Amino acid sequence: MSRPAAIPAGLWPPRMPVEIAAGYCGERSAESFLREVRAGTYPAPAVKRGRRQIWLKTDLDQVVLSRGGAAAADAALDL
């Protein structure tokens, strides 16, 4: 069963579990986000303890900003 990406109300947290990181990066599901992590599109989790994985917003920001230039920077400021 696919885990949908989550978009929190309010501010994006600085530390994100997989569902929230997927939503932040615009992926449809946690599984599609994890496929992109394995492919090297997104960074590996900053924290990995057993099955728990946490991504840092600052790490994901670097990827989002580098992929879209000025348009992505404007969108990131809106987040």
C-alpha atoms as a PDB file:
ATOM      1  CA  MET A   1       0.000   0.000   0.000  1.00  0.00           C
ATOM      2  CA  SER A   2       1.338   3.400  -0.980  1.00  0.00           C
ATOM      3  CA  ARG A   3       1.885   6.047   1.699  1.00  0.00           C
ATOM      4  CA  PRO A   4       0.705   9.420   0.384  1.00  0.00           C
ATOM      5  CA  ALA A   5       2.942  12.448   0.701  1.00  0.00           C
ATOM      6  CA  ALA A   6       1.915  14.831   3.472  1.00  0.00           C
ATOM      7  CA  ILE A   7       1.793  18.603   3.404  1.00  0.00           C
ATOM      8  CA  PRO A   8       1.571  20.077   6.908  1.00  0.00           C
ATOM      9  CA  ALA A   9      -0.547  23.092   7.736  1.00  0.00           C
ATOM     10  CA  GLY A  10       1.598  26.099   8.510  1.00  0.00           C
ATOM     11  CA  LEU A  11       5.376  25.993   8.389  1.00  0.00           C
ATOM     12  CA  TRP A  12       7.525  23.152   7.088  1.00  0.00           C
ATOM     13  CA  PRO A  13       9.409  21.552   9.984  1.00  0.00           C
ATOM     14  CA  PRO A  14      13.223  21.580   9.938  1.00  0.00           C
ATOM     15  CA  ARG A  15      13.308  17.773  10.423  1.00  0.00           C
ATOM     16  CA  MET A  16      10.974  15.721   8.221  1.00  0.00           C
ATOM     17  CA  PRO A  17       9.913  12.076   8.183  1.00  0.00           C
ATOM     18  CA  VAL A  18       9.608  10.470   4.759  1.00  0.00           C
ATOM     19  CA  GLU A  19       5.949  11.380   4.107  1.00  0.00           C
ATOM     20  CA  ILE A  20       6.533  15.079   4.799  1.00  0.00           C
ATOM     21  CA  ALA A  21       9.854  15.153   2.905  1.00  0.00           C
ATOM     22  CA  ALA A  22       8.042  13.631  -0.080  1.00  0.00           C
ATOM     23  CA  GLY A  23       5.373  16.330   0.054  1.00  0.00           C
ATOM     24  CA  TYR A  24       8.010  19.049   0.393  1.00  0.00           C
ATOM     25  CA  CYS A  25       9.780  17.810  -2.743  1.00  0.00           C
ATOM     26  CA  GLY A  26       6.533  17.496  -4.697  1.00  0.00           C
ATOM     27  CA  GLU A  27       6.480  13.705  -4.891  1.00  0.00           C
ATOM     28  CA  ARG A  28       3.129  11.895  -4.861  1.00  0.00           C
ATOM     29  CA  SER A  29       4.104   9.249  -2.319  1.00  0.00           C
ATOM     30  CA  ALA A  30       6.758   8.254   0.175  1.00  0.00           C
ATOM     31  CA  GLU A  31       7.675   5.333  -2.071  1.00  0.00           C
ATOM     32  CA  SER A  32       8.302   7.551  -5.112  1.00  0.00           C
ATOM     33  CA  PHE A  33      10.413   9.871  -2.938  1.00  0.00           C
ATOM     34  CA  LEU A  34      12.461   6.920  -1.632  1.00  0.00           C
ATOM     35  CA  ARG A  35      13.040   5.703  -5.220  1.00  0.00           C
ATOM     36  CA  GLU A  36      14.442   9.138  -6.054  1.00  0.00           C
ATOM     37  CA  VAL A  37      16.631   9.055  -2.914  1.00  0.00           C
ATOM     38  CA  ARG A  38      18.070   5.697  -4.049  1.00  0.00           C
ATOM     39  CA  ALA A  39      18.639   7.147  -7.538  1.00  0.00           C
ATOM     40  CA  GLY A  40      20.550  10.087  -6.033  1.00  0.00           C
ATOM     41  CA  THR A  41      18.019  12.768  -6.944  1.00  0.00           C
ATOM     42  CA  TYR A  42      17.435  13.656  -3.287  1.00  0.00           C
ATOM     43  CA  PRO A  43      19.905  13.362  -0.389  1.00  0.00           C
ATOM     44  CA  ALA A  44      20.007  10.411   1.965  1.00  0.00           C
ATOM     45  CA  PRO A  45      18.322  10.940   5.323  1.00  0.00           C
ATOM     46  CA  ALA A  46      20.358  12.858   7.888  1.00  0.00           C
ATOM     47  CA  VAL A  47      19.107  10.555  10.648  1.00  0.00           C
ATOM     48  CA  LYS A  48      18.666   6.829  10.135  1.00  0.00           C
ATOM     49  CA  ARG A  49      17.899   4.686  13.167  1.00  0.00           C
ATOM     50  CA  GLY A  50      16.386   1.360  12.261  1.00  0.00           C
ATOM     51  CA  ARG A  51      13.359   2.094  10.117  1.00  0.00           C
ATOM     52  CA  ARG A  52      13.188   5.726  11.263  1.00  0.00           C
ATOM     53  CA  GLN A  53      14.510   8.138   8.649  1.00  0.00           C
ATOM     54  CA  ILE A  54      14.615  11.932   8.978  1.00  0.00           C
ATOM     55  CA  TRP A  55      15.538  14.474   6.299  1.00  0.00           C
ATOM     56  CA  LEU A  56      16.675  17.994   7.065  1.00  0.00           C
ATOM     57  CA  LYS A  57      14.824  20.811   5.319  1.00  0.00           C
ATOM     58  CA  THR A  58      18.120  22.587   4.613  1.00  0.00           C
ATOM     59  CA  ASP A  59      19.436  19.514   2.736  1.00  0.00           C
ATOM     60  CA  LEU A  60      16.265  19.284   0.648  1.00  0.00           C
ATOM     61  CA  ASP A  61      16.313  23.046  -0.016  1.00  0.00           C
ATOM     62  CA  GLN A  62      19.713  22.730  -1.691  1.00  0.00           C
ATOM     63  CA  VAL A  63      18.322  20.194  -4.174  1.00  0.00           C
ATOM     64  CA  VAL A  64      15.084  22.075  -4.822  1.00  0.00           C
ATOM     65  CA  LEU A  65      16.910  25.367  -5.402  1.00  0.00           C
ATOM     66  CA  SER A  66      19.615  23.834  -7.603  1.00  0.00           C
ATOM     67  CA  ARG A  67      17.087  22.133  -9.882  1.00  0.00           C
ATOM     68  CA  GLY A  68      14.903  25.091 -10.727  1.00  0.00           C
ATOM     69  CA  GLY A  69      16.993  28.233 -10.520  1.00  0.00           C
ATOM     70  CA  ALA A  70      15.204  31.499  -9.786  1.00  0.00           C
ATOM     71  CA  ALA A  71      11.693  30.074 -10.163  1.00  0.00           C
ATOM     72  CA  ALA A  72      12.430  27.415  -7.558  1.00  0.00           C
ATOM     73  CA  ALA A  73      13.945  30.022  -5.254  1.00  0.00           C
ATOM     74  CA  ASP A  74      10.760  32.077  -5.454  1.00  0.00           C
ATOM     75  CA  ALA A  75       8.646  28.994  -4.777  1.00  0.00           C
ATOM     76  CA  ALA A  76      10.871  27.955  -1.858  1.00  0.00           C
ATOM     77  CA  LEU A  77      10.375  31.361  -0.265  1.00  0.00           C
ATOM     78  CA  ASP A  78       6.604  30.793  -0.450  1.00  0.00           C
ATOM     79  CA  LEU A  79       6.981  27.526   1.459  1.00  0.00           C
END
